[in-house]
N, C-alpha and C. Protein backbone atom coordinates (compact mmCIF):
# COMPACT_ATOMS: atom_id res chain seq x y z
N UNK A 1 127.75 152.82 114.93
CA UNK A 1 127.55 151.72 115.80
C UNK A 1 128.51 151.96 117.02
N UNK A 2 128.10 151.53 118.13
CA UNK A 2 129.07 151.65 119.31
C UNK A 2 129.55 150.21 119.63
N UNK A 3 130.59 150.10 120.43
CA UNK A 3 131.19 148.86 120.70
C UNK A 3 130.60 148.28 121.95
N UNK A 4 130.64 147.04 122.12
CA UNK A 4 130.15 146.42 123.35
C UNK A 4 130.68 146.87 124.57
N UNK A 5 131.94 147.25 124.59
CA UNK A 5 132.49 147.83 125.80
C UNK A 5 131.80 148.98 126.42
N UNK A 6 131.32 149.77 125.59
CA UNK A 6 130.61 151.04 125.94
C UNK A 6 129.19 150.46 126.55
N UNK A 7 128.66 149.51 125.98
CA UNK A 7 127.42 149.04 126.52
C UNK A 7 127.59 148.44 127.92
N UNK A 8 128.50 147.77 128.09
CA UNK A 8 128.97 146.98 129.46
C UNK A 8 129.27 148.18 130.47
N UNK A 9 130.04 149.19 130.01
CA UNK A 9 130.26 150.22 130.90
C UNK A 9 129.02 150.84 131.47
N UNK A 10 128.17 151.17 130.55
CA UNK A 10 126.81 151.84 130.96
C UNK A 10 126.02 150.84 131.84
N UNK A 11 126.01 149.73 131.51
CA UNK A 11 125.24 148.69 132.30
C UNK A 11 125.80 148.47 133.62
N UNK A 12 127.00 148.72 133.95
CA UNK A 12 127.69 148.47 135.19
C UNK A 12 127.43 149.69 136.14
N UNK A 13 126.88 150.78 135.72
CA UNK A 13 126.72 151.90 136.53
C UNK A 13 125.30 151.72 137.26
N UNK A 14 125.37 151.56 138.55
CA UNK A 14 124.19 151.27 139.32
C UNK A 14 123.09 152.28 139.36
N UNK A 15 123.46 153.57 139.48
CA UNK A 15 122.49 154.69 139.43
C UNK A 15 121.76 154.78 138.08
N UNK A 16 122.36 154.65 137.03
CA UNK A 16 121.82 154.66 135.72
C UNK A 16 120.84 153.48 135.51
N UNK A 17 121.14 152.38 135.89
CA UNK A 17 120.23 151.25 135.80
C UNK A 17 119.06 151.30 136.76
N UNK A 18 119.29 151.90 137.94
CA UNK A 18 118.20 152.21 138.80
C UNK A 18 117.16 153.18 138.24
N UNK A 19 117.70 154.11 137.63
CA UNK A 19 116.78 155.08 136.94
C UNK A 19 115.90 154.43 135.93
N UNK A 20 116.69 153.67 135.04
CA UNK A 20 115.96 152.94 133.97
C UNK A 20 114.95 151.92 134.56
N UNK A 21 115.21 151.22 135.71
CA UNK A 21 114.23 150.29 136.27
C UNK A 21 113.17 151.05 136.94
N UNK A 22 113.39 152.16 137.41
CA UNK A 22 112.23 153.00 138.05
C UNK A 22 111.32 153.49 136.90
N UNK A 23 111.83 153.77 135.85
CA UNK A 23 110.95 154.34 134.61
C UNK A 23 110.13 153.11 134.10
N UNK A 24 110.77 152.03 133.99
CA UNK A 24 110.07 150.82 133.57
C UNK A 24 108.99 150.44 134.56
N UNK A 25 109.34 150.51 135.90
CA UNK A 25 108.18 150.07 136.76
C UNK A 25 107.11 151.04 136.77
N UNK A 26 107.24 152.30 136.48
CA UNK A 26 106.16 153.15 136.43
C UNK A 26 105.38 153.01 135.08
N UNK A 27 106.15 152.68 133.99
CA UNK A 27 105.56 152.51 132.61
C UNK A 27 104.56 151.31 132.67
N UNK A 28 105.08 150.24 133.24
CA UNK A 28 104.31 149.04 133.25
C UNK A 28 103.41 148.81 134.48
N UNK A 29 103.56 149.71 135.44
CA UNK A 29 102.88 149.66 136.62
C UNK A 29 103.09 148.28 137.33
N UNK A 30 104.31 147.94 137.49
CA UNK A 30 104.74 146.70 138.21
C UNK A 30 105.86 146.90 138.93
N UNK A 31 106.25 146.02 139.92
CA UNK A 31 107.44 145.93 140.53
C UNK A 31 108.53 145.43 139.82
N UNK A 32 109.71 146.05 139.92
CA UNK A 32 110.72 145.61 139.05
C UNK A 32 111.91 145.21 139.99
N UNK A 33 112.58 144.09 139.55
CA UNK A 33 113.71 143.62 140.35
C UNK A 33 115.02 143.96 139.70
N UNK A 34 115.87 144.64 140.33
CA UNK A 34 117.13 145.01 139.91
C UNK A 34 118.24 144.04 140.40
N UNK A 35 118.81 143.43 139.50
CA UNK A 35 119.88 142.31 139.77
C UNK A 35 121.29 142.65 139.32
N UNK A 36 122.27 141.83 139.83
CA UNK A 36 123.47 142.06 139.32
C UNK A 36 124.00 140.73 138.62
N UNK A 37 124.59 140.94 137.52
CA UNK A 37 124.99 139.64 136.71
C UNK A 37 126.46 139.44 137.29
N UNK A 38 126.94 138.23 136.74
CA UNK A 38 128.29 137.61 137.21
C UNK A 38 129.42 138.49 136.76
N UNK A 39 129.20 139.19 135.62
CA UNK A 39 130.25 140.08 135.10
C UNK A 39 130.36 141.39 135.63
N UNK A 40 129.51 141.67 136.73
CA UNK A 40 129.47 143.00 137.38
C UNK A 40 128.53 144.02 136.77
N UNK A 41 127.76 143.62 135.74
CA UNK A 41 126.87 144.61 135.23
C UNK A 41 125.54 144.40 135.89
N UNK A 42 124.67 145.34 135.71
CA UNK A 42 123.25 145.24 136.33
C UNK A 42 122.25 145.13 135.31
N UNK A 43 121.09 144.49 135.64
CA UNK A 43 120.02 144.43 134.76
C UNK A 43 118.71 144.46 135.57
N UNK A 44 117.54 144.46 135.01
CA UNK A 44 116.31 144.51 135.72
C UNK A 44 115.27 143.82 134.94
N UNK A 45 114.27 143.42 135.55
CA UNK A 45 113.23 142.59 134.94
C UNK A 45 111.93 142.79 135.74
N UNK A 46 110.76 142.78 134.97
CA UNK A 46 109.49 142.81 135.73
C UNK A 46 109.11 141.46 136.25
N UNK A 47 109.78 140.38 135.79
CA UNK A 47 109.53 139.13 136.43
C UNK A 47 110.39 139.02 137.63
N UNK A 48 109.76 138.95 138.82
CA UNK A 48 110.50 138.99 140.02
C UNK A 48 111.02 137.68 140.44
N UNK A 49 110.70 136.60 139.64
CA UNK A 49 111.20 135.19 140.01
C UNK A 49 112.42 135.21 139.03
N UNK A 50 113.69 135.35 139.53
CA UNK A 50 114.94 135.28 138.73
C UNK A 50 115.94 134.49 139.56
N UNK A 51 116.95 133.78 138.83
CA UNK A 51 117.86 133.08 139.55
C UNK A 51 119.14 133.88 139.73
N UNK A 52 119.08 135.16 139.37
CA UNK A 52 120.22 136.09 139.67
C UNK A 52 120.06 136.79 140.86
N UNK A 53 121.14 137.20 141.58
CA UNK A 53 121.14 137.87 142.75
C UNK A 53 120.43 139.23 142.62
N UNK A 54 119.26 139.46 143.42
CA UNK A 54 118.50 140.62 143.29
C UNK A 54 119.09 141.63 144.33
N UNK A 55 119.32 142.81 143.72
CA UNK A 55 119.87 143.89 144.57
C UNK A 55 118.75 144.63 145.32
N UNK A 56 117.71 144.85 144.50
CA UNK A 56 116.69 145.77 145.05
C UNK A 56 115.47 145.51 144.29
N UNK A 57 114.27 145.56 145.06
CA UNK A 57 112.91 145.60 144.30
C UNK A 57 112.52 147.13 144.26
N UNK A 58 111.98 147.49 143.06
CA UNK A 58 111.69 148.86 142.79
C UNK A 58 110.19 148.97 142.51
N UNK A 59 109.47 149.77 143.33
CA UNK A 59 108.04 149.94 143.19
C UNK A 59 107.68 150.94 142.13
N UNK A 60 106.52 150.86 141.53
CA UNK A 60 106.22 151.93 140.54
C UNK A 60 105.66 153.22 141.28
N UNK A 61 105.59 153.24 142.53
CA UNK A 61 105.11 154.42 143.19
C UNK A 61 106.13 155.37 143.73
């Protein structure tokens, strides 16, 4: 098992999260919203209505 600090470090890398979000957008054929959490990590969702600060919208094309 890996520790939570490794997961937080990986999630804080913008380029890595961008690539994962782009793959998700293509897989689901939906626009994905890439957002930044309060702790400095990034996340993404196919639900573009979120209360977190959106960094970028990523198209499946």
